[in-house]
Amino acid sequence: ILHCWYFDSPPGEIISLGVISQGDFDIPSGLIFSVPVR
């Protein structure tokens, strides 16, 4: 996670991360939820 945070994700690869929801995938905003990110 730290390496990706500082040097970006490998091309085309997604990883799972628990982040603050922004309403995507009908997940209520404000919840910490594990979702696919880059």
PDB file of all heavy atoms in Angstrom:
ATOM      1  N   ILE A   1       0.830  -1.198   0.000  1.00  0.00           N
ATOM      2  CA  ILE A   1       0.000   0.000   0.000  1.00  0.00           C
ATOM      3  C   ILE A   1       0.870   1.256   0.000  1.00  0.00           C
ATOM      4  O   ILE A   1       0.636   2.204  -0.770  1.00  0.00           O
ATOM      5  CB  ILE A   1      -0.947   0.011   1.222  1.00  0.00           C
ATOM      6  CG1 ILE A   1      -1.937  -1.149   1.156  1.00  0.00           C
ATOM      7  CG2 ILE A   1      -1.697   1.342   1.304  1.00  0.00           C
ATOM      8  CD1 ILE A   1      -2.826  -1.148  -0.055  1.00  0.00           C
ATOM      9  N   LEU A   2       1.898   1.295   0.841  1.00  0.00           N
ATOM     10  CA  LEU A   2       2.762   2.477   0.919  1.00  0.00           C
ATOM     11  C   LEU A   2       3.494   2.708  -0.397  1.00  0.00           C
ATOM     12  O   LEU A   2       3.601   3.855  -0.868  1.00  0.00           O
ATOM     13  CB  LEU A   2       3.772   2.314   2.055  1.00  0.00           C
ATOM     14  CG  LEU A   2       3.266   2.628   3.461  1.00  0.00           C
ATOM     15  CD1 LEU A   2       4.313   2.262   4.495  1.00  0.00           C
ATOM     16  CD2 LEU A   2       2.897   4.104   3.593  1.00  0.00           C
ATOM     17  N   HIS A   3       3.999   1.657  -0.989  1.00  0.00           N
ATOM     18  CA  HIS A   3       4.731   1.819  -2.251  1.00  0.00           C
ATOM     19  C   HIS A   3       3.807   2.365  -3.339  1.00  0.00           C
ATOM     20  O   HIS A   3       4.186   3.260  -4.104  1.00  0.00           O
ATOM     21  CB  HIS A   3       5.342   0.488  -2.681  1.00  0.00           C
ATOM     22  CG  HIS A   3       6.319   0.629  -3.805  1.00  0.00           C
ATOM     23  ND1 HIS A   3       5.938   0.579  -5.132  1.00  0.00           N
ATOM     24  CD2 HIS A   3       7.666   0.847  -3.810  1.00  0.00           C
ATOM     25  CE1 HIS A   3       7.003   0.740  -5.900  1.00  0.00           C
ATOM     26  NE2 HIS A   3       8.068   0.911  -5.125  1.00  0.00           N
ATOM     27  N   CYS A   4       2.577   1.842  -3.396  1.00  0.00           N
ATOM     28  CA  CYS A   4       1.620   2.353  -4.385  1.00  0.00           C
ATOM     29  C   CYS A   4       1.234   3.796  -4.089  1.00  0.00           C
ATOM     30  O   CYS A   4       1.073   4.607  -5.015  1.00  0.00           O
ATOM     31  CB  CYS A   4       0.369   1.469  -4.405  1.00  0.00           C
ATOM     32  SG  CYS A   4       0.609  -0.176  -5.089  1.00  0.00           S
ATOM     33  N   TRP A   5       1.110   4.133  -2.821  1.00  0.00           N
ATOM     34  CA  TRP A   5       0.703   5.483  -2.431  1.00  0.00           C
ATOM     35  C   TRP A   5       1.743   6.512  -2.877  1.00  0.00           C
ATOM     36  O   TRP A   5       1.407   7.635  -3.261  1.00  0.00           O
ATOM     37  CB  TRP A   5       0.517   5.549  -0.915  1.00  0.00           C
ATOM     38  CG  TRP A   5      -0.530   6.525  -0.466  1.00  0.00           C
ATOM     39  CD1 TRP A   5      -0.991   7.613  -1.148  1.00  0.00           C
ATOM     40  CD2 TRP A   5      -1.248   6.509   0.767  1.00  0.00           C
ATOM     41  NE1 TRP A   5      -1.943   8.268  -0.414  1.00  0.00           N
ATOM     42  CE2 TRP A   5      -2.128   7.621   0.767  1.00  0.00           C
ATOM     43  CE3 TRP A   5      -1.243   5.672   1.881  1.00  0.00           C
ATOM     44  CZ2 TRP A   5      -2.977   7.910   1.835  1.00  0.00           C
ATOM     45  CZ3 TRP A   5      -2.087   5.956   2.937  1.00  0.00           C
ATOM     46  CH2 TRP A   5      -2.953   7.061   2.921  1.00  0.00           C
ATOM     47  N   TYR A   6       3.010   6.132  -2.839  1.00  0.00           N
ATOM     48  CA  TYR A   6       4.073   7.060  -3.205  1.00  0.00           C
ATOM     49  C   TYR A   6       4.491   6.956  -4.666  1.00  0.00           C
ATOM     50  O   TYR A   6       4.982   7.927  -5.254  1.00  0.00           O
ATOM     51  CB  TYR A   6       5.292   6.843  -2.303  1.00  0.00           C
ATOM     52  CG  TYR A   6       5.167   7.561  -0.980  1.00  0.00           C
ATOM     53  CD1 TYR A   6       4.459   6.986   0.077  1.00  0.00           C
ATOM     54  CD2 TYR A   6       5.704   8.824  -0.784  1.00  0.00           C
ATOM     55  CE1 TYR A   6       4.324   7.643   1.291  1.00  0.00           C
ATOM     56  CE2 TYR A   6       5.570   9.490   0.416  1.00  0.00           C
ATOM     57  CZ  TYR A   6       4.872   8.901   1.453  1.00  0.00           C
ATOM     58  OH  TYR A   6       4.722   9.564   2.653  1.00  0.00           O
ATOM     59  N   PHE A   7       4.308   5.781  -5.284  1.00  0.00           N
ATOM     60  CA  PHE A   7       4.798   5.591  -6.652  1.00  0.00           C
ATOM     61  C   PHE A   7       3.726   5.097  -7.622  1.00  0.00           C
ATOM     62  O   PHE A   7       4.054   4.685  -8.735  1.00  0.00           O
ATOM     63  CB  PHE A   7       5.977   4.611  -6.648  1.00  0.00           C
ATOM     64  CG  PHE A   7       7.170   5.119  -5.897  1.00  0.00           C
ATOM     65  CD1 PHE A   7       7.437   4.681  -4.610  1.00  0.00           C
ATOM     66  CD2 PHE A   7       8.013   6.051  -6.460  1.00  0.00           C
ATOM     67  CE1 PHE A   7       8.537   5.155  -3.905  1.00  0.00           C
ATOM     68  CE2 PHE A   7       9.118   6.535  -5.769  1.00  0.00           C
ATOM     69  CZ  PHE A   7       9.376   6.083  -4.488  1.00  0.00           C
ATOM     70  N   ASP A   8       2.453   5.143  -7.207  1.00  0.00           N
ATOM     71  CA  ASP A   8       1.313   4.763  -8.047  1.00  0.00           C
ATOM     72  C   ASP A   8       1.188   3.243  -8.189  1.00  0.00           C
ATOM     73  O   ASP A   8       2.167   2.504  -8.048  1.00  0.00           O
ATOM     74  CB  ASP A   8       1.370   5.395  -9.432  1.00  0.00           C
ATOM     75  CG  ASP A   8       1.272   6.917  -9.382  1.00  0.00           C
ATOM     76  OD1 ASP A   8       0.931   7.450  -8.307  1.00  0.00           O
ATOM     77  OD2 ASP A   8       1.535   7.566 -10.408  1.00  0.00           O
ATOM     78  N   SER A   9      -0.027   2.809  -8.504  1.00  0.00           N
ATOM     79  CA  SER A   9      -0.305   1.387  -8.708  1.00  0.00           C
ATOM     80  C   SER A   9       0.366   0.899  -9.988  1.00  0.00           C
ATOM     81  O   SER A   9       0.553   1.679 -10.935  1.00  0.00           O
ATOM     82  CB  SER A   9      -1.813   1.154  -8.814  1.00  0.00           C
ATOM     83  OG  SER A   9      -2.467   1.503  -7.616  1.00  0.00           O
ATOM     84  N   PRO A  10       0.711  -0.389 -10.041  1.00  0.00           N
ATOM     85  CA  PRO A  10       1.223  -0.940 -11.305  1.00  0.00           C
ATOM     86  C   PRO A  10       0.185  -0.755 -12.412  1.00  0.00           C
ATOM     87  O   PRO A  10      -1.023  -0.768 -12.140  1.00  0.00           O
ATOM     88  CB  PRO A  10       1.436  -2.428 -10.975  1.00  0.00           C
ATOM     89  CG  PRO A  10       1.582  -2.474  -9.488  1.00  0.00           C
ATOM     90  CD  PRO A  10       0.700  -1.391  -8.954  1.00  0.00           C
ATOM     91  N   PRO A  11       0.609  -0.566 -13.642  1.00  0.00           N
ATOM     92  CA  PRO A  11      -0.334  -0.328 -14.745  1.00  0.00           C
ATOM     93  C   PRO A  11      -1.416  -1.401 -14.828  1.00  0.00           C
ATOM     94  O   PRO A  11      -1.124  -2.592 -14.848  1.00  0.00           O
ATOM     95  CB  PRO A  11       0.574  -0.371 -15.983  1.00  0.00           C
ATOM     96  CG  PRO A  11       1.926   0.003 -15.479  1.00  0.00           C
ATOM     97  CD  PRO A  11       2.020  -0.562 -14.093  1.00  0.00           C
ATOM     98  N   GLY A  12      -2.671  -0.947 -14.842  1.00  0.00           N
ATOM     99  CA  GLY A  12      -3.799  -1.842 -15.027  1.00  0.00           C
ATOM    100  C   GLY A  12      -4.197  -2.670 -13.826  1.00  0.00           C
ATOM    101  O   GLY A  12      -5.177  -3.418 -13.874  1.00  0.00           O
ATOM    102  N   GLU A  13      -3.473  -2.542 -12.700  1.00  0.00           N
ATOM    103  CA  GLU A  13      -3.755  -3.399 -11.537  1.00  0.00           C
ATOM    104  C   GLU A  13      -4.573  -2.636 -10.495  1.00  0.00           C
ATOM    105  O   GLU A  13      -4.281  -1.483 -10.181  1.00  0.00           O
ATOM    106  CB  GLU A  13      -2.455  -3.886 -10.912  1.00  0.00           C
ATOM    107  CG  GLU A  13      -2.665  -4.887  -9.768  1.00  0.00           C
ATOM    108  CD  GLU A  13      -1.360  -5.442  -9.227  1.00  0.00           C
ATOM    109  OE1 GLU A  13      -0.348  -5.399  -9.963  1.00  0.00           O
ATOM    110  OE2 GLU A  13      -1.343  -5.895  -8.064  1.00  0.00           O
ATOM    111  N   ILE A  14      -5.595  -3.292  -9.973  1.00  0.00           N
ATOM    112  CA  ILE A  14      -6.381  -2.715  -8.891  1.00  0.00           C
ATOM    113  C   ILE A  14      -6.058  -3.452  -7.596  1.00  0.00           C
ATOM    114  O   ILE A  14      -5.635  -4.606  -7.614  1.00  0.00           O
ATOM    115  CB  ILE A  14      -7.899  -2.790  -9.178  1.00  0.00           C
ATOM    116  CG1 ILE A  14      -8.352  -4.243  -9.365  1.00  0.00           C
ATOM    117  CG2 ILE A  14      -8.280  -1.951 -10.375  1.00  0.00           C
ATOM    118  CD1 ILE A  14      -9.847  -4.404  -9.512  1.00  0.00           C
ATOM    119  N   ILE A  15      -6.225  -2.754  -6.489  1.00  0.00           N
ATOM    120  CA  ILE A  15      -6.037  -3.369  -5.182  1.00  0.00           C
ATOM    121  C   ILE A  15      -7.220  -2.992  -4.308  1.00  0.00           C
ATOM    122  O   ILE A  15      -7.938  -2.039  -4.587  1.00  0.00           O
ATOM    123  CB  ILE A  15      -4.723  -2.929  -4.524  1.00  0.00           C
ATOM    124  CG1 ILE A  15      -4.678  -1.405  -4.366  1.00  0.00           C
ATOM    125  CG2 ILE A  15      -3.529  -3.414  -5.309  1.00  0.00           C
ATOM    126  CD1 ILE A  15      -3.433  -0.929  -3.633  1.00  0.00           C
ATOM    127  N   SER A  16      -7.418  -3.749  -3.259  1.00  0.00           N
ATOM    128  CA  SER A  16      -8.511  -3.479  -2.326  1.00  0.00           C
ATOM    129  C   SER A  16      -8.000  -2.605  -1.191  1.00  0.00           C
ATOM    130  O   SER A  16      -6.888  -2.796  -0.706  1.00  0.00           O
ATOM    131  CB  SER A  16      -9.069  -4.791  -1.766  1.00  0.00           C
ATOM    132  OG  SER A  16      -9.467  -5.653  -2.809  1.00  0.00           O
ATOM    133  N   LEU A  17      -8.831  -1.658  -0.762  1.00  0.00           N
ATOM    134  CA  LEU A  17      -8.419  -0.731   0.284  1.00  0.00           C
ATOM    135  C   LEU A  17      -9.648  -0.222   1.021  1.00  0.00           C
ATOM    136  O   LEU A  17     -10.665   0.110   0.405  1.00  0.00           O
ATOM    137  CB  LEU A  17      -7.655   0.444  -0.329  1.00  0.00           C
ATOM    138  CG  LEU A  17      -6.903   1.365   0.636  1.00  0.00           C
ATOM    139  CD1 LEU A  17      -5.737   0.606   1.271  1.00  0.00           C
ATOM    140  CD2 LEU A  17      -6.383   2.600  -0.084  1.00  0.00           C
ATOM    141  N   GLY A  18      -9.545  -0.158   2.349  1.00  0.00           N
ATOM    142  CA  GLY A  18     -10.617   0.401   3.158  1.00  0.00           C
ATOM    143  C   GLY A  18     -10.515   1.916   3.180  1.00  0.00           C
ATOM    144  O   GLY A  18      -9.586   2.469   3.777  1.00  0.00           O
ATOM    145  N   VAL A  19     -11.469   2.592   2.534  1.00  0.00           N
ATOM    146  CA  VAL A  19     -11.428   4.050   2.425  1.00  0.00           C
ATOM    147  C   VAL A  19     -12.805   4.631   2.731  1.00  0.00           C
ATOM    148  O   VAL A  19     -13.805   3.908   2.829  1.00  0.00           O
ATOM    149  CB  VAL A  19     -10.987   4.493   1.010  1.00  0.00           C
ATOM    150  CG1 VAL A  19      -9.588   3.969   0.701  1.00  0.00           C
ATOM    151  CG2 VAL A  19     -11.976   4.005  -0.051  1.00  0.00           C
ATOM    152  N   ILE A  20     -12.847   5.943   2.854  1.00  0.00           N
ATOM    153  CA  ILE A  20     -14.116   6.621   3.121  1.00  0.00           C
ATOM    154  C   ILE A  20     -14.986   6.560   1.868  1.00  0.00           C
ATOM    155  O   ILE A  20     -14.563   6.930   0.784  1.00  0.00           O
ATOM    156  CB  ILE A  20     -13.872   8.082   3.556  1.00  0.00           C
ATOM    157  CG1 ILE A  20     -15.167   8.748   3.966  1.00  0.00           C
ATOM    158  CG2 ILE A  20     -13.155   8.883   2.505  1.00  0.00           C
ATOM    159  CD1 ILE A  20     -15.380   8.828   5.422  1.00  0.00           C
ATOM    160  N   SER A  21     -16.201   6.048   2.038  1.00  0.00           N
ATOM    161  CA  SER A  21     -17.098   5.885   0.889  1.00  0.00           C
ATOM    162  C   SER A  21     -17.560   7.242   0.376  1.00  0.00           C
ATOM    163  O   SER A  21     -17.830   8.168   1.144  1.00  0.00           O
ATOM    164  CB  SER A  21     -18.313   5.046   1.286  1.00  0.00           C
ATOM    165  OG  SER A  21     -19.267   5.036   0.244  1.00  0.00           O
ATOM    166  N   GLN A  22     -17.651   7.319  -0.944  1.00  0.00           N
ATOM    167  CA  GLN A  22     -18.135   8.530  -1.606  1.00  0.00           C
ATOM    168  C   GLN A  22     -19.445   8.259  -2.345  1.00  0.00           C
ATOM    169  O   GLN A  22     -19.832   9.029  -3.228  1.00  0.00           O
ATOM    170  CB  GLN A  22     -17.052   9.040  -2.563  1.00  0.00           C
ATOM    171  CG  GLN A  22     -15.751   9.371  -1.831  1.00  0.00           C
ATOM    172  CD  GLN A  22     -14.588   9.656  -2.776  1.00  0.00           C
ATOM    173  OE1 GLN A  22     -14.728   9.594  -4.000  1.00  0.00           O
ATOM    174  NE2 GLN A  22     -13.429   9.975  -2.212  1.00  0.00           N
ATOM    175  N   GLY A  23     -20.120   7.158  -1.953  1.00  0.00           N
ATOM    176  CA  GLY A  23     -21.409   6.831  -2.562  1.00  0.00           C
ATOM    177  C   GLY A  23     -21.334   5.881  -3.741  1.00  0.00           C
ATOM    178  O   GLY A  23     -22.378   5.498  -4.287  1.00  0.00           O
ATOM    179  N   ASP A  24     -20.122   5.503  -4.154  1.00  0.00           N
ATOM    180  CA  ASP A  24     -19.985   4.569  -5.275  1.00  0.00           C
ATOM    181  C   ASP A  24     -20.525   3.192  -4.883  1.00  0.00           C
ATOM    182  O   ASP A  24     -20.478   2.785  -3.710  1.00  0.00           O
ATOM    183  CB  ASP A  24     -18.514   4.444  -5.667  1.00  0.00           C
ATOM    184  CG  ASP A  24     -17.921   5.779  -6.093  1.00  0.00           C
ATOM    185  OD1 ASP A  24     -18.300   6.266  -7.169  1.00  0.00           O
ATOM    186  OD2 ASP A  24     -17.098   6.334  -5.333  1.00  0.00           O
ATOM    187  N   PHE A  25     -21.026   2.467  -5.887  1.00  0.00           N
ATOM    188  CA  PHE A  25     -21.568   1.117  -5.717  1.00  0.00           C
ATOM    189  C   PHE A  25     -22.739   1.101  -4.727  1.00  0.00           C
ATOM    190  O   PHE A  25     -23.011   0.088  -4.083  1.00  0.00           O
ATOM    191  CB  PHE A  25     -20.476   0.144  -5.237  1.00  0.00           C
ATOM    192  CG  PHE A  25     -19.235   0.160  -6.082  1.00  0.00           C
ATOM    193  CD1 PHE A  25     -18.037   0.666  -5.586  1.00  0.00           C
ATOM    194  CD2 PHE A  25     -19.253  -0.307  -7.390  1.00  0.00           C
ATOM    195  CE1 PHE A  25     -16.886   0.695  -6.365  1.00  0.00           C
ATOM    196  CE2 PHE A  25     -18.098  -0.281  -8.176  1.00  0.00           C
ATOM    197  CZ  PHE A  25     -16.920   0.221  -7.670  1.00  0.00           C
ATOM    198  N   ASP A  26     -23.420   2.234  -4.572  1.00  0.00           N
ATOM    199  CA  ASP A  26     -24.560   2.381  -3.650  1.00  0.00           C
ATOM    200  C   ASP A  26     -24.167   2.154  -2.189  1.00  0.00           C
ATOM    201  O   ASP A  26     -25.015   1.847  -1.353  1.00  0.00           O
ATOM    202  CB  ASP A  26     -25.695   1.415  -4.036  1.00  0.00           C
ATOM    203  CG  ASP A  26     -26.312   1.752  -5.376  1.00  0.00           C
ATOM    204  OD1 ASP A  26     -26.248   2.937  -5.770  1.00  0.00           O
ATOM    205  OD2 ASP A  26     -26.847   0.846  -6.042  1.00  0.00           O
ATOM    206  N   ILE A  27     -22.899   2.313  -1.880  1.00  0.00           N
ATOM    207  CA  ILE A  27     -22.443   2.233  -0.492  1.00  0.00           C
ATOM    208  C   ILE A  27     -22.653   3.597   0.143  1.00  0.00           C
ATOM    209  O   ILE A  27     -22.240   4.619  -0.418  1.00  0.00           O
ATOM    210  CB  ILE A  27     -20.950   1.845  -0.428  1.00  0.00           C
ATOM    211  CG1 ILE A  27     -20.721   0.482  -1.083  1.00  0.00           C
ATOM    212  CG2 ILE A  27     -20.458   1.824   1.017  1.00  0.00           C
ATOM    213  CD1 ILE A  27     -19.257   0.168  -1.335  1.00  0.00           C
ATOM    214  N   PRO A  28     -23.315   3.684   1.295  1.00  0.00           N
ATOM    215  CA  PRO A  28     -23.596   4.990   1.913  1.00  0.00           C
ATOM    216  C   PRO A  28     -22.329   5.821   2.112  1.00  0.00           C
ATOM    217  O   PRO A  28     -21.298   5.313   2.566  1.00  0.00           O
ATOM    218  CB  PRO A  28     -24.237   4.615   3.256  1.00  0.00           C
ATOM    219  CG  PRO A  28     -24.812   3.260   3.035  1.00  0.00           C
ATOM    220  CD  PRO A  28     -23.887   2.566   2.088  1.00  0.00           C
ATOM    221  N   SER A  29     -22.405   7.082   1.769  1.00  0.00           N
ATOM    222  CA  SER A  29     -21.260   7.982   1.946  1.00  0.00           C
ATOM    223  C   SER A  29     -20.900   8.101   3.419  1.00  0.00           C
ATOM    224  O   SER A  29     -21.771   8.097   4.291  1.00  0.00           O
ATOM    225  CB  SER A  29     -21.591   9.374   1.383  1.00  0.00           C
ATOM    226  OG  SER A  29     -21.819   9.305  -0.001  1.00  0.00           O
ATOM    227  N   GLY A  30     -19.620   8.202   3.687  1.00  0.00           N
ATOM    228  CA  GLY A  30     -19.159   8.404   5.060  1.00  0.00           C
ATOM    229  C   GLY A  30     -18.716   7.146   5.765  1.00  0.00           C
ATOM    230  O   GLY A  30     -18.020   7.221   6.772  1.00  0.00           O
ATOM    231  N   LEU A  31     -19.116   5.974   5.261  1.00  0.00           N
ATOM    232  CA  LEU A  31     -18.668   4.726   5.862  1.00  0.00           C
ATOM    233  C   LEU A  31     -17.263   4.390   5.372  1.00  0.00           C
ATOM    234  O   LEU A  31     -16.898   4.686   4.237  1.00  0.00           O
ATOM    235  CB  LEU A  31     -19.603   3.571   5.490  1.00  0.00           C
ATOM    236  CG  LEU A  31     -21.019   3.572   6.070  1.00  0.00           C
ATOM    237  CD1 LEU A  31     -21.777   2.355   5.577  1.00  0.00           C
ATOM    238  CD2 LEU A  31     -20.991   3.602   7.595  1.00  0.00           C
ATOM    239  N   ILE A  32     -16.469   3.771   6.235  1.00  0.00           N
ATOM    240  CA  ILE A  32     -15.200   3.196   5.793  1.00  0.00           C
ATOM    241  C   ILE A  32     -15.514   1.825   5.209  1.00  0.00           C
ATOM    242  O   ILE A  32     -16.090   0.979   5.881  1.00  0.00           O
ATOM    243  CB  ILE A  32     -14.199   3.075   6.951  1.00  0.00           C
ATOM    244  CG1 ILE A  32     -13.947   4.443   7.587  1.00  0.00           C
ATOM    245  CG2 ILE A  32     -12.899   2.459   6.455  1.00  0.00           C
ATOM    246  CD1 ILE A  32     -13.270   5.442   6.684  1.00  0.00           C
ATOM    247  N   PHE A  33     -15.137   1.600   3.958  1.00  0.00           N
ATOM    248  CA  PHE A  33     -15.555   0.393   3.246  1.00  0.00           C
ATOM    249  C   PHE A  33     -14.418  -0.058   2.339  1.00  0.00           C
ATOM    250  O   PHE A  33     -13.768   0.767   1.687  1.00  0.00           O
ATOM    251  CB  PHE A  33     -16.796   0.690   2.402  1.00  0.00           C
ATOM    252  CG  PHE A  33     -17.712  -0.477   2.198  1.00  0.00           C
ATOM    253  CD1 PHE A  33     -18.783  -0.694   3.051  1.00  0.00           C
ATOM    254  CD2 PHE A  33     -17.506  -1.367   1.153  1.00  0.00           C
ATOM    255  CE1 PHE A  33     -19.651  -1.767   2.866  1.00  0.00           C
ATOM    256  CE2 PHE A  33     -18.360  -2.440   0.948  1.00  0.00           C
ATOM    257  CZ  PHE A  33     -19.440  -2.640   1.808  1.00  0.00           C
ATOM    258  N   SER A  34     -14.139  -1.346   2.301  1.00  0.00           N
ATOM    259  CA  SER A  34     -13.108  -1.871   1.416  1.00  0.00           C
ATOM    260  C   SER A  34     -13.654  -1.971  -0.001  1.00  0.00           C
ATOM    261  O   SER A  34     -14.658  -2.642  -0.248  1.00  0.00           O
ATOM    262  CB  SER A  34     -12.635  -3.251   1.889  1.00  0.00           C
ATOM    263  OG  SER A  34     -11.634  -3.753   1.027  1.00  0.00           O
ATOM    264  N   VAL A  35     -12.993  -1.304  -0.922  1.00  0.00           N
ATOM    265  CA  VAL A  35     -13.430  -1.229  -2.324  1.00  0.00           C
ATOM    266  C   VAL A  35     -12.200  -1.332  -3.228  1.00  0.00           C
ATOM    267  O   VAL A  35     -11.071  -1.184  -2.768  1.00  0.00           O
ATOM    268  CB  VAL A  35     -14.177   0.096  -2.610  1.00  0.00           C
ATOM    269  CG1 VAL A  35     -15.472   0.170  -1.830  1.00  0.00           C
ATOM    270  CG2 VAL A  35     -13.283   1.295  -2.282  1.00  0.00           C
ATOM    271  N   PRO A  36     -12.406  -1.581  -4.529  1.00  0.00           N
ATOM    272  CA  PRO A  36     -11.271  -1.595  -5.456  1.00  0.00           C
ATOM    273  C   PRO A  36     -10.793  -0.181  -5.766  1.00  0.00           C
ATOM    274  O   PRO A  36     -11.600   0.705  -6.069  1.00  0.00           O
ATOM    275  CB  PRO A  36     -11.840  -2.282  -6.704  1.00  0.00           C
ATOM    276  CG  PRO A  36     -13.311  -2.023  -6.643  1.00  0.00           C
ATOM    277  CD  PRO A  36     -13.670  -1.997  -5.192  1.00  0.00           C
ATOM    278  N   VAL A  37      -9.483   0.042  -5.667  1.00  0.00           N
ATOM    279  CA  VAL A  37      -8.918   1.364  -5.935  1.00  0.00           C
ATOM    280  C   VAL A  37      -7.659   1.226  -6.781  1.00  0.00           C
ATOM    281  O   VAL A  37      -7.098   0.138  -6.929  1.00  0.00           O
ATOM    282  CB  VAL A  37      -8.568   2.121  -4.621  1.00  0.00           C
ATOM    283  CG1 VAL A  37      -9.749   2.185  -3.687  1.00  0.00           C
ATOM    284  CG2 VAL A  37      -7.360   1.495  -3.935  1.00  0.00           C
ATOM    285  N   ARG A  38      -7.224   2.360  -7.308  1.00  0.00           N
ATOM    286  CA  ARG A  38      -5.898   2.509  -7.880  1.00  0.00           C
ATOM    287  C   ARG A  38      -5.280   3.766  -7.289  1.00  0.00           C
ATOM    288  O   ARG A  38      -5.996   4.719  -6.971  1.00  0.00           O
ATOM    289  CB  ARG A  38      -5.962   2.635  -9.414  1.00  0.00           C
ATOM    290  CG  ARG A  38      -6.126   1.318 -10.137  1.00  0.00           C
ATOM    291  CD  ARG A  38      -6.134   1.504 -11.653  1.00  0.00           C
ATOM    292  NE  ARG A  38      -5.005   2.297 -12.125  1.00  0.00           N
ATOM    293  CZ  ARG A  38      -3.755   1.838 -12.269  1.00  0.00           C
ATOM    294  NH1 ARG A  38      -3.501   0.570 -11.978  1.00  0.00           N
ATOM    295  NH2 ARG A  38      -2.799   2.627 -12.705  1.00  0.00           N
TER     296      ARG A  38
END
